[in-house]
Amino acid sequence: MESYKANQIHLGPASCAVDLGDGSERGPYINQDYILQKLGRPHRAINLMYCYYPLDEGFPGRASVVHANPSVSFAWDYPYDDYFTYKGGLIGDKDDEPFTYMRDIRRHGQDVLLTLTIDPHVSDEHLIAIAKDLTTFGRVSLRINHEATGNWFSFNRRCTYQEVADFYVRFHKIIKQYAPNVSTILCIGGIENPKSEEIVMEKEFAEAVRATDIWSVDKYMALHWGWPYDIAEPGGKSHKRESASEVYEMTRRSYERFKYLCDGKEKPMVMSECNADGDVTGPYDQVDMIRNFCECIKRDPVHWFSGFTFYQFRDDGRLGLEVSDPNNASVGIEQPILSAYKDIIADPFFSPSIEVQDEVSFPAKLRWGGSEDSDGVSVPLTFSANPHFAEVYFDEELLPLNLMMEINGRWFYKAPGTKCIDLMPAFFEKPLTEACELRLNIFAPPASGENDPSQGQDWQTNYYSVLPKLPTVRLRFAPIMDAKPEKLLGK
């Protein structure tokens, strides 16, 4: 394969990005190898949900474990939020959660989206420690005390809304000083009343709207918030349902109000949790609602919507692409929404762009800036027909590399030490119907999952690798041996 001409390529943003929630109070973290095999492509970012209440008795134990109580009848009826607990900050254990998962996410060519609920009473010392934790993880998005205009999280029960808003601004300023690679996400209610021109708690949160890097709302087109303590049934009071178009319109109006509060300045607008709860809709309407919502995004001639996070990959209820097997939580049961979701993220509108640039020579320097800004190499391959074998081999010189590769719309991960990657899954769902040329696109995220401070002044946002040469590609367009004539039994 060394004789092939290769080009530099640039990985850029989608028209509308898609992120994925992986783990929360409703389900465990699922490793990125499994998710990549199930969905066929990486996401812009993976959302992890954690809490930090270091001043509380029992922390860092999970609230529902250390404060177990049979009288609890609501998911948030614990002294602090029932997320998995953040082991960094002044606890200082970066060999534990969420850092092990953050490294897994970045190795697989995705950015980290960290949702963190925090006790607003912690000192600046705690916040500075958290900021310093995040400096090596590239272009992190940090969603601080999300759904902050609600009344269910512990930070809202401990503080006034003004205090919660002021805490957000305080933490944002610390992030900008100590972790400039991190972007902050303000997730509040937005406009929730169709007759209102103002966002919820506008007076209290106006300064936070102006300070933050990214605006966000969480919108479930259907939600059963009584889970798991009751069952959604007709006439019940613990669930709701809206239309996709209503949700989209209220989100658009929220964006316009955020912009108004910033004197017309535009910032990225995302929906940090998006789904329709299968407890309310059932499995089939859930598919229709998610499709309809994505069509609303695509049909809008003004592309103000930057991206959404599907909540979530595997769920113990019905908010996942898979639901957890009640007999074995390590097993996922695929839902109809998974197939529809694969179609959505394969749509070019929701897929990252890859731009082919000038010819490149070897050794080639590759830059990983993140899932929306990276430089790799691309090799044209000639296919005379649909392949029977398509493999990439890595010799000793290439063995240490950590790579993400794409061909025919399907992405593959090569871990350090892996000698061969089978590309045939790229042709199972999308077989070739005629001869053509396809490009094998190669990128190199950091093998450790973290950036290297020794690489230069831009080390916090860029990671560099050297590809000494191209790997070897094996293509075969027929079985290795011809079939022998078959004699059917009984004939």
Protein backbone atom coordinates (compact mmCIF):
# COMPACT_ATOMS: atom_id res chain seq x y z
CA MET A 1 0.00 0.00 0.00
CA GLU A 2 3.03 2.28 0.37
CA SER A 3 2.81 3.14 -3.33
CA TYR A 4 -0.60 4.79 -2.92
CA LYS A 5 -0.81 8.56 -2.97
CA ALA A 6 -2.29 9.93 0.23
CA ASN A 7 -3.91 13.26 0.97
CA GLN A 8 -4.23 15.32 4.08
CA ILE A 9 -7.84 15.53 5.31
CA HIS A 10 -9.61 17.81 7.72
CA LEU A 11 -12.35 16.63 10.08
CA GLY A 12 -14.88 19.41 10.61
CA PRO A 13 -18.25 19.96 12.30
CA ALA A 14 -21.62 18.65 11.18
CA SER A 15 -24.42 21.03 10.23
CA CYS A 16 -25.99 19.80 13.47
CA ALA A 17 -23.85 17.76 15.85
CA VAL A 18 -25.06 14.72 17.77
CA ASP A 19 -23.77 13.80 21.22
CA LEU A 20 -24.70 10.75 23.28
CA GLY A 21 -25.38 10.27 26.98
CA ASP A 22 -23.58 7.28 28.47
CA GLY A 23 -24.43 6.53 32.08
CA SER A 24 -26.46 8.41 34.68
CA GLU A 25 -28.66 7.69 37.70
CA ARG A 26 -30.69 5.49 35.31
CA GLY A 27 -27.98 3.27 33.88
CA PRO A 28 -24.28 2.37 33.83
CA TYR A 29 -21.47 3.56 31.59
CA ILE A 30 -21.03 1.37 28.50
CA ASN A 31 -17.56 1.15 26.98
CA GLN A 32 -16.91 2.93 23.69
CA ASP A 33 -15.81 -0.20 21.81
CA TYR A 34 -19.28 -1.68 22.31
CA ILE A 35 -21.08 1.54 21.36
CA LEU A 36 -18.95 2.01 18.24
CA GLN A 37 -19.71 -1.52 17.07
CA LYS A 38 -23.44 -1.03 17.65
CA LEU A 39 -23.75 2.43 16.04
CA GLY A 40 -20.97 2.44 13.44
CA ARG A 41 -19.61 5.94 14.08
CA PRO A 42 -18.28 8.05 16.94
CA HIS A 43 -20.17 11.04 18.32
CA ARG A 44 -19.06 14.62 18.67
CA ALA A 45 -19.07 14.15 22.45
CA ILE A 46 -20.11 11.64 25.09
CA ASN A 47 -21.98 13.02 28.10
CA LEU A 48 -21.02 11.73 31.55
CA MET A 49 -23.15 12.69 34.57
CA TYR A 50 -21.52 13.05 38.00
CA CYS A 51 -21.96 14.90 41.28
CA TYR A 52 -19.57 16.58 43.73
CA TYR A 53 -20.80 17.13 47.29
CA PRO A 54 -17.55 16.72 49.23
CA LEU A 55 -18.85 18.50 52.35
CA ASP A 56 -21.63 15.93 52.83
CA GLU A 57 -21.59 12.93 55.12
CA GLY A 58 -21.18 9.73 53.12
CA PHE A 59 -19.55 11.34 50.06
CA PRO A 60 -17.95 10.02 47.81
CA GLY A 61 -20.31 7.08 48.24
CA ARG A 62 -23.29 7.10 45.90
CA ALA A 63 -26.27 8.70 47.62
CA SER A 64 -28.71 5.83 47.06
CA VAL A 65 -26.19 3.42 48.61
CA VAL A 66 -24.85 5.31 51.62
CA HIS A 67 -28.23 6.92 52.33
CA ALA A 68 -30.48 4.00 51.36
CA ASN A 69 -33.98 4.48 52.73
CA PRO A 70 -37.10 2.39 51.99
CA SER A 71 -39.31 5.47 52.27
CA VAL A 72 -37.71 7.14 49.22
CA SER A 73 -40.35 7.58 46.48
CA PHE A 74 -38.62 9.97 44.06
CA ALA A 75 -35.28 9.70 42.29
CA TRP A 76 -33.91 12.84 43.94
CA ASP A 77 -35.11 12.27 47.52
CA TYR A 78 -31.60 11.80 48.89
CA PRO A 79 -29.34 14.23 50.76
CA TYR A 80 -27.36 14.79 47.57
CA ASP A 81 -27.92 13.94 43.91
CA ASP A 82 -27.93 10.23 43.08
CA TYR A 83 -25.33 10.35 40.31
CA PHE A 84 -22.08 8.48 40.39
CA THR A 85 -19.60 10.57 42.33
CA TYR A 86 -16.74 12.66 40.97
CA LYS A 87 -13.48 11.35 42.47
CA GLY A 88 -11.35 14.33 41.43
CA GLY A 89 -11.29 17.81 42.91
CA LEU A 90 -9.72 17.80 46.36
CA ILE A 91 -10.30 14.05 46.61
CA GLY A 92 -7.65 13.86 43.91
CA ASP A 93 -8.07 10.35 42.51
CA LYS A 94 -7.68 10.59 38.73
CA ASP A 95 -7.39 6.81 38.41
CA ASP A 96 -11.10 6.49 39.24
CA GLU A 97 -14.36 7.77 37.75
CA PRO A 98 -14.99 9.76 35.66
CA PHE A 99 -11.41 9.97 34.40
CA THR A 100 -11.17 6.32 33.33
CA TYR A 101 -14.22 6.89 31.12
CA MET A 102 -12.98 10.26 29.85
CA ARG A 103 -9.83 8.56 28.58
CA ASP A 104 -11.91 5.84 26.90
CA ILE A 105 -14.03 8.49 25.17
CA ARG A 106 -11.07 10.47 23.83
CA ARG A 107 -9.16 7.40 22.61
CA HIS A 108 -12.17 6.70 20.42
CA GLY A 109 -12.13 10.10 18.71
CA GLN A 110 -14.80 11.87 20.75
CA ASP A 111 -14.82 14.88 23.05
CA VAL A 112 -15.82 14.80 26.71
CA LEU A 113 -19.07 16.43 27.80
CA LEU A 114 -19.06 16.39 31.59
CA THR A 115 -22.28 17.13 33.46
CA LEU A 116 -21.45 17.93 37.08
CA THR A 117 -23.83 18.86 39.88
CA ILE A 118 -21.93 20.61 42.66
CA ASP A 119 -22.65 21.92 46.12
CA PRO A 120 -22.58 25.72 45.65
CA HIS A 121 -21.08 26.06 49.13
CA VAL A 122 -17.71 24.54 48.18
CA SER A 123 -14.74 26.88 48.27
CA ASP A 124 -12.79 28.19 45.30
CA GLU A 125 -10.09 25.69 46.25
CA HIS A 126 -12.42 22.85 45.27
CA LEU A 127 -13.38 24.51 41.98
CA ILE A 128 -9.76 25.26 41.06
CA ALA A 129 -8.89 21.60 41.67
CA ILE A 130 -11.70 20.47 39.35
CA ALA A 131 -10.57 22.92 36.67
CA LYS A 132 -7.00 21.60 36.89
CA ASP A 133 -8.36 18.02 36.60
CA LEU A 134 -9.72 18.83 33.14
CA THR A 135 -6.69 20.55 31.58
CA THR A 136 -5.30 17.41 29.90
CA PHE A 137 -8.55 16.22 28.31
CA GLY A 138 -8.64 18.47 25.26
CA ARG A 139 -11.75 20.37 24.26
CA VAL A 140 -14.02 19.51 27.18
CA SER A 141 -17.56 20.86 27.56
CA LEU A 142 -18.59 21.29 31.21
CA ARG A 143 -22.29 21.49 32.06
CA ILE A 144 -22.47 22.94 35.56
CA ASN A 145 -25.56 22.36 37.78
CA HIS A 146 -27.88 21.62 34.88
CA GLU A 147 -31.64 22.18 34.88
CA ALA A 148 -30.79 24.96 37.31
CA THR A 149 -34.26 26.55 37.26
CA GLY A 150 -35.83 23.31 38.50
CA ASN A 151 -36.46 22.25 42.09
CA TRP A 152 -35.33 18.62 42.21
CA PHE A 153 -31.54 18.73 42.50
CA SER A 154 -29.90 19.16 45.88
CA PHE A 155 -28.11 22.38 44.90
CA ASN A 156 -31.53 24.02 44.35
CA ARG A 157 -32.77 22.88 47.75
CA ARG A 158 -29.70 24.33 49.46
CA CYS A 159 -29.59 27.72 47.74
CA THR A 160 -31.81 30.40 46.23
CA TYR A 161 -31.96 30.58 42.43
CA GLN A 162 -29.86 33.76 42.59
CA GLU A 163 -27.21 31.92 44.60
CA VAL A 164 -27.21 29.06 42.08
CA ALA A 165 -26.81 31.55 39.22
CA ASP A 166 -24.03 33.42 41.02
CA PHE A 167 -22.22 30.14 41.69
CA TYR A 168 -22.35 29.35 37.98
CA VAL A 169 -20.68 32.64 37.10
CA ARG A 170 -18.06 32.11 39.82
CA PHE A 171 -17.16 28.64 38.56
CA HIS A 172 -17.18 29.81 34.93
CA LYS A 173 -14.57 32.48 35.75
CA ILE A 174 -12.38 29.91 37.50
CA ILE A 175 -12.63 27.59 34.50
CA LYS A 176 -11.55 30.38 32.15
CA GLN A 177 -8.52 31.12 34.35
CA TYR A 178 -7.31 27.58 35.08
CA ALA A 179 -8.67 25.44 32.20
CA PRO A 180 -9.02 27.55 29.03
CA ASN A 181 -9.51 24.33 27.03
CA VAL A 182 -12.92 23.89 28.69
CA SER A 183 -16.19 25.43 27.45
CA THR A 184 -19.01 25.95 29.93
CA ILE A 185 -22.65 25.02 29.24
CA LEU A 186 -25.49 26.82 31.02
CA CYS A 187 -28.54 24.53 31.09
CA ILE A 188 -31.70 26.27 32.34
CA GLY A 189 -35.39 26.15 31.60
CA GLY A 190 -35.53 28.69 28.79
CA ILE A 191 -39.01 29.78 27.68
CA GLU A 192 -41.45 27.21 29.03
CA ASN A 193 -44.72 29.14 28.77
CA PRO A 194 -45.85 29.78 25.16
CA LYS A 195 -47.39 33.09 26.26
CA SER A 196 -44.19 34.34 27.91
CA GLU A 197 -41.44 36.39 26.28
CA GLU A 198 -38.98 35.75 29.12
CA ILE A 199 -37.01 32.69 30.10
CA VAL A 200 -37.67 31.09 33.47
CA MET A 201 -35.91 32.97 36.31
CA GLU A 202 -34.65 35.52 33.78
CA LYS A 203 -33.70 38.15 36.36
CA GLU A 204 -31.66 35.68 38.38
CA PHE A 205 -29.87 33.99 35.47
CA ALA A 206 -29.35 36.90 33.05
CA GLU A 207 -25.70 37.35 34.04
CA ALA A 208 -25.05 33.59 33.71
CA VAL A 209 -26.58 33.70 30.20
CA ARG A 210 -24.10 36.44 29.30
CA ALA A 211 -21.09 34.74 30.93
CA THR A 212 -21.43 31.18 29.63
CA ASP A 213 -19.84 29.80 26.47
CA ILE A 214 -22.80 27.65 25.38
CA TRP A 215 -26.57 27.92 25.93
CA SER A 216 -28.65 24.81 26.59
CA VAL A 217 -32.05 23.48 27.52
CA ASP A 218 -33.13 19.94 28.35
CA LYS A 219 -36.30 18.96 26.50
CA TYR A 220 -38.04 15.60 26.66
CA MET A 221 -40.91 15.36 24.20
CA ALA A 222 -42.29 12.73 26.55
CA LEU A 223 -41.08 11.94 30.07
CA HIS A 224 -42.07 9.69 32.94
CA TRP A 225 -40.40 11.40 35.91
CA GLY A 226 -42.06 9.04 38.38
CA TRP A 227 -39.79 6.19 37.22
CA PRO A 228 -38.89 3.81 38.84
CA TYR A 229 -41.34 4.27 41.70
CA ASP A 230 -44.57 4.06 39.69
CA ILE A 231 -45.82 2.94 36.28
CA ALA A 232 -47.06 5.44 33.72
CA GLU A 233 -50.74 4.76 33.01
CA PRO A 234 -53.58 6.85 31.50
CA GLY A 235 -54.69 9.54 33.94
CA GLY A 236 -51.44 9.42 35.90
CA LYS A 237 -49.72 12.55 37.22
CA SER A 238 -46.06 11.56 36.86
CA HIS A 239 -45.62 11.79 33.11
CA LYS A 240 -46.18 14.17 30.18
CA ARG A 241 -46.12 14.30 26.38
CA GLU A 242 -45.68 17.14 23.88
CA SER A 243 -45.21 17.28 20.12
CA ALA A 244 -41.80 17.46 18.44
CA SER A 245 -42.74 20.71 16.70
CA GLU A 246 -43.82 22.33 19.99
CA VAL A 247 -40.54 21.38 21.66
CA TYR A 248 -38.53 22.67 18.71
CA GLU A 249 -40.38 25.99 18.64
CA MET A 250 -39.98 26.60 22.38
CA THR A 251 -36.26 25.80 22.07
CA ARG A 252 -35.92 28.27 19.19
CA ARG A 253 -37.66 30.96 21.21
CA SER A 254 -35.35 30.25 24.15
CA TYR A 255 -32.35 30.74 21.86
CA GLU A 256 -33.72 34.05 20.62
CA ARG A 257 -34.26 35.25 24.19
CA PHE A 258 -30.75 34.19 25.23
CA LYS A 259 -29.42 36.17 22.27
CA TYR A 260 -31.56 39.18 23.25
CA LEU A 261 -30.08 39.11 26.76
CA CYS A 262 -26.61 39.22 25.15
CA ASP A 263 -27.45 42.25 22.99
CA GLY A 264 -27.74 40.14 19.85
CA LYS A 265 -24.52 38.18 20.34
CA GLU A 266 -24.80 34.60 19.10
CA LYS A 267 -23.50 31.60 21.00
CA PRO A 268 -23.84 27.86 20.31
CA MET A 269 -27.26 26.53 21.32
CA VAL A 270 -27.63 22.86 22.24
CA MET A 271 -30.18 20.53 23.76
CA SER A 272 -28.19 18.65 26.39
CA GLU A 273 -30.82 15.97 26.98
CA CYS A 274 -33.23 14.99 24.22
CA ASN A 275 -35.56 12.01 23.93
CA ALA A 276 -39.15 10.82 24.07
CA ASP A 277 -39.71 8.44 26.97
CA GLY A 278 -40.85 5.01 25.84
CA ASP A 279 -42.70 4.63 29.15
CA VAL A 280 -45.16 7.20 27.77
CA THR A 281 -44.97 6.77 24.01
CA GLY A 282 -44.25 3.07 23.64
CA PRO A 283 -41.44 1.94 21.31
CA TYR A 284 -43.01 2.96 18.00
CA ASP A 285 -44.16 6.51 18.74
CA GLN A 286 -40.77 7.08 20.34
CA VAL A 287 -39.16 6.47 16.94
CA ASP A 288 -41.62 8.77 15.17
CA MET A 289 -41.10 11.60 17.65
CA ILE A 290 -37.30 11.53 17.43
CA ARG A 291 -37.47 11.42 13.63
CA ASN A 292 -39.93 14.32 13.59
CA PHE A 293 -37.71 16.40 15.86
CA CYS A 294 -34.69 15.83 13.62
CA GLU A 295 -36.78 16.78 10.59
CA CYS A 296 -37.68 20.06 12.33
CA ILE A 297 -33.96 20.80 12.65
CA LYS A 298 -33.26 19.95 9.02
CA ARG A 299 -36.21 21.88 7.55
CA ASP A 300 -35.44 25.12 9.38
CA PRO A 301 -33.75 27.44 6.84
CA VAL A 302 -31.97 29.21 9.72
CA HIS A 303 -29.43 26.81 11.22
CA TRP A 304 -29.27 28.23 14.75
CA PHE A 305 -29.32 24.82 16.45
CA SER A 306 -25.76 23.56 17.10
CA GLY A 307 -26.47 20.07 18.35
CA PHE A 308 -28.34 17.74 20.70
CA THR A 309 -27.45 14.98 23.12
CA PHE A 310 -29.52 11.82 22.90
CA TYR A 311 -30.29 10.59 26.41
CA GLN A 312 -29.01 7.85 26.59
CA PHE A 313 -27.28 4.75 25.17
CA ARG A 314 -28.45 2.15 27.71
CA ASP A 315 -31.14 2.84 30.25
CA ASP A 316 -32.74 0.86 33.07
CA GLY A 317 -36.09 2.32 31.98
CA ARG A 318 -37.15 3.23 28.44
CA LEU A 319 -34.95 6.24 27.71
CA GLY A 320 -32.21 4.29 25.96
CA LEU A 321 -31.26 2.99 22.56
CA GLU A 322 -30.92 -0.19 24.57
CA VAL A 323 -32.67 -1.07 27.82
CA SER A 324 -30.88 -3.07 30.50
CA ASP A 325 -31.74 -6.75 30.71
CA PRO A 326 -33.44 -7.11 34.15
CA ASN A 327 -31.77 -10.49 34.57
CA ASN A 328 -28.26 -9.27 33.74
CA ALA A 329 -27.49 -5.54 33.76
CA SER A 330 -24.40 -6.07 31.59
CA VAL A 331 -26.66 -7.09 28.69
CA GLY A 332 -28.51 -4.53 26.59
CA ILE A 333 -31.80 -5.16 24.79
CA GLU A 334 -31.92 -3.20 21.54
CA GLN A 335 -35.00 -1.02 21.04
CA PRO A 336 -36.55 0.08 17.71
CA ILE A 337 -35.16 3.58 18.31
CA LEU A 338 -31.60 2.26 17.88
CA SER A 339 -32.06 1.45 14.20
CA ALA A 340 -33.77 4.80 13.56
CA TYR A 341 -31.00 6.59 15.45
CA LYS A 342 -28.36 4.92 13.29
CA ASP A 343 -30.14 6.31 10.23
CA ILE A 344 -30.18 9.79 11.77
CA ILE A 345 -26.47 9.89 12.64
CA ALA A 346 -25.60 8.49 9.18
CA ASP A 347 -27.40 11.44 7.54
CA PRO A 348 -24.76 13.88 6.18
CA PHE A 349 -26.59 16.73 7.94
CA PHE A 350 -25.81 15.15 11.33
CA SER A 351 -22.38 13.75 10.37
CA PRO A 352 -18.97 15.43 10.69
CA SER A 353 -17.48 16.72 7.45
CA ILE A 354 -14.26 15.34 5.93
CA GLU A 355 -12.46 17.62 3.47
CA VAL A 356 -9.76 16.17 1.21
CA GLN A 357 -6.79 18.51 0.89
CA ASP A 358 -3.26 18.46 -0.58
CA GLU A 359 -1.14 15.38 -1.17
CA VAL A 360 0.90 14.39 1.87
CA SER A 361 4.33 12.76 2.16
CA PHE A 362 5.59 10.40 4.86
CA PRO A 363 6.32 10.46 7.68
CA ALA A 364 3.11 12.48 8.12
CA LYS A 365 2.25 14.63 11.13
CA LEU A 366 -1.34 14.16 12.32
CA ARG A 367 -3.15 16.65 14.58
CA TRP A 368 -6.03 15.72 16.86
CA GLY A 369 -7.80 18.87 17.97
CA GLY A 370 -11.10 17.19 18.70
CA SER A 371 -14.08 15.63 16.96
CA GLU A 372 -14.81 18.86 15.04
CA ASP A 373 -11.27 20.01 14.23
CA SER A 374 -8.59 17.44 13.35
CA ASP A 375 -6.18 16.64 10.53
CA GLY A 376 -5.52 13.13 9.25
CA VAL A 377 -4.60 11.30 6.07
CA SER A 378 -6.75 9.70 3.38
CA VAL A 379 -5.94 6.95 0.90
CA PRO A 380 -8.01 6.17 -2.23
CA LEU A 381 -8.78 2.46 -2.66
CA THR A 382 -10.16 0.87 -5.83
CA PHE A 383 -13.02 -1.61 -5.45
CA SER A 384 -13.87 -3.73 -8.48
CA ALA A 385 -16.92 -5.13 -6.68
CA ASN A 386 -18.29 -5.59 -3.18
CA PRO A 387 -15.39 -7.10 -1.21
CA HIS A 388 -15.31 -10.50 0.44
CA PHE A 389 -12.24 -9.50 2.46
CA ALA A 390 -11.14 -6.00 3.47
CA GLU A 391 -8.45 -5.81 6.12
CA VAL A 392 -5.84 -3.33 7.34
CA TYR A 393 -2.53 -4.67 8.70
CA PHE A 394 -0.11 -2.82 10.97
CA ASP A 395 3.54 -3.87 11.23
CA GLU A 396 5.86 -3.23 14.19
CA GLU A 397 6.48 0.37 13.18
CA LEU A 398 2.75 1.15 13.18
CA LEU A 399 1.74 -1.09 16.08
CA PRO A 400 1.92 1.58 18.85
CA LEU A 401 -0.48 3.95 17.08
CA ASN A 402 -3.97 4.76 18.34
CA LEU A 403 -6.20 5.33 15.29
CA MET A 404 -9.76 6.02 14.20
CA MET A 405 -10.49 4.98 10.60
CA GLU A 406 -13.49 5.55 8.34
CA ILE A 407 -14.53 3.94 5.07
CA ASN A 408 -17.92 3.74 3.34
CA GLY A 409 -19.50 5.65 6.22
CA ARG A 410 -18.37 3.19 8.90
CA TRP A 411 -15.79 4.00 11.58
CA PHE A 412 -13.28 1.62 13.16
CA TYR A 413 -10.98 1.87 16.17
CA LYS A 414 -7.42 0.55 16.26
CA ALA A 415 -5.96 0.37 19.76
CA PRO A 416 -2.19 0.40 20.38
CA GLY A 417 -0.88 -3.12 19.86
CA THR A 418 -3.66 -4.22 17.50
CA LYS A 419 -2.21 -5.80 14.35
CA CYS A 420 -5.25 -6.11 12.08
CA ILE A 421 -8.62 -4.38 11.67
CA ASP A 422 -11.37 -6.08 9.64
CA LEU A 423 -13.22 -3.46 7.58
CA MET A 424 -15.91 -5.82 6.30
CA PRO A 425 -18.66 -4.47 8.62
CA ALA A 426 -18.54 -1.34 6.44
CA PHE A 427 -19.99 -3.44 3.60
CA PHE A 428 -22.55 -5.58 5.42
CA GLU A 429 -25.24 -2.90 5.75
CA LYS A 430 -24.06 -0.86 2.74
CA PRO A 431 -22.80 -3.37 0.14
CA LEU A 432 -21.27 -1.94 -3.04
CA THR A 433 -23.36 -2.46 -6.15
CA GLU A 434 -20.72 -1.44 -8.68
CA ALA A 435 -17.04 -0.74 -9.04
CA CYS A 436 -15.92 2.44 -7.33
CA GLU A 437 -13.19 4.25 -5.45
CA LEU A 438 -13.51 4.71 -1.69
CA ARG A 439 -11.24 6.56 0.66
CA LEU A 440 -9.81 5.09 3.84
CA ASN A 441 -9.62 8.04 6.22
CA ILE A 442 -7.24 7.86 9.19
CA PHE A 443 -7.06 10.05 12.32
CA ALA A 444 -4.96 9.72 15.48
CA PRO A 445 -6.56 10.68 18.82
CA PRO A 446 -4.28 10.42 21.88
CA ALA A 447 -3.58 6.82 22.90
CA SER A 448 -3.66 7.72 26.59
CA GLY A 449 -6.85 9.73 26.20
CA GLU A 450 -5.00 12.81 27.43
CA ASN A 451 -3.01 15.60 25.79
CA ASP A 452 0.73 15.94 26.35
CA PRO A 453 2.02 19.16 27.99
CA SER A 454 5.43 18.63 26.36
CA GLN A 455 4.06 19.03 22.82
CA GLY A 456 4.06 22.82 22.68
CA GLN A 457 2.08 25.92 23.56
CA ASP A 458 -1.16 24.58 22.08
CA TRP A 459 -0.98 21.29 23.97
CA GLN A 460 -4.28 21.80 25.79
CA THR A 461 -6.29 21.87 22.55
CA ASN A 462 -4.13 19.85 20.14
CA TYR A 463 -2.41 16.47 20.25
CA TYR A 464 0.15 15.45 17.61
CA SER A 465 1.14 12.02 16.29
CA VAL A 466 3.46 10.85 13.52
CA LEU A 467 2.28 8.30 10.96
CA PRO A 468 5.59 6.95 9.58
CA LYS A 469 3.97 5.22 6.61
CA LEU A 470 0.68 3.77 5.45
CA PRO A 471 -0.58 0.43 6.73
CA THR A 472 -1.13 -2.49 4.36
CA VAL A 473 -4.64 -3.02 2.99
CA ARG A 474 -5.80 -6.46 1.85
CA LEU A 475 -8.77 -6.48 -0.54
CA ARG A 476 -10.25 -9.63 -2.09
CA PHE A 477 -13.39 -9.67 -4.22
CA ALA A 478 -14.22 -13.39 -4.20
CA PRO A 479 -13.92 -16.35 -1.84
CA ILE A 480 -10.37 -17.64 -1.44
CA MET A 481 -11.41 -21.02 -2.89
CA ASP A 482 -14.19 -21.68 -5.37
CA ALA A 483 -17.21 -23.56 -4.12
CA LYS A 484 -17.43 -27.27 -4.85
CA PRO A 485 -20.63 -28.63 -6.44
CA GLU A 486 -23.14 -29.51 -3.76
CA LYS A 487 -25.08 -32.76 -3.75
CA LEU A 488 -28.28 -32.40 -1.78
CA LEU A 489 -29.12 -35.28 0.54
CA GLY A 490 -31.99 -37.44 -0.63
CA LYS A 491 -31.69 -36.38 -4.28
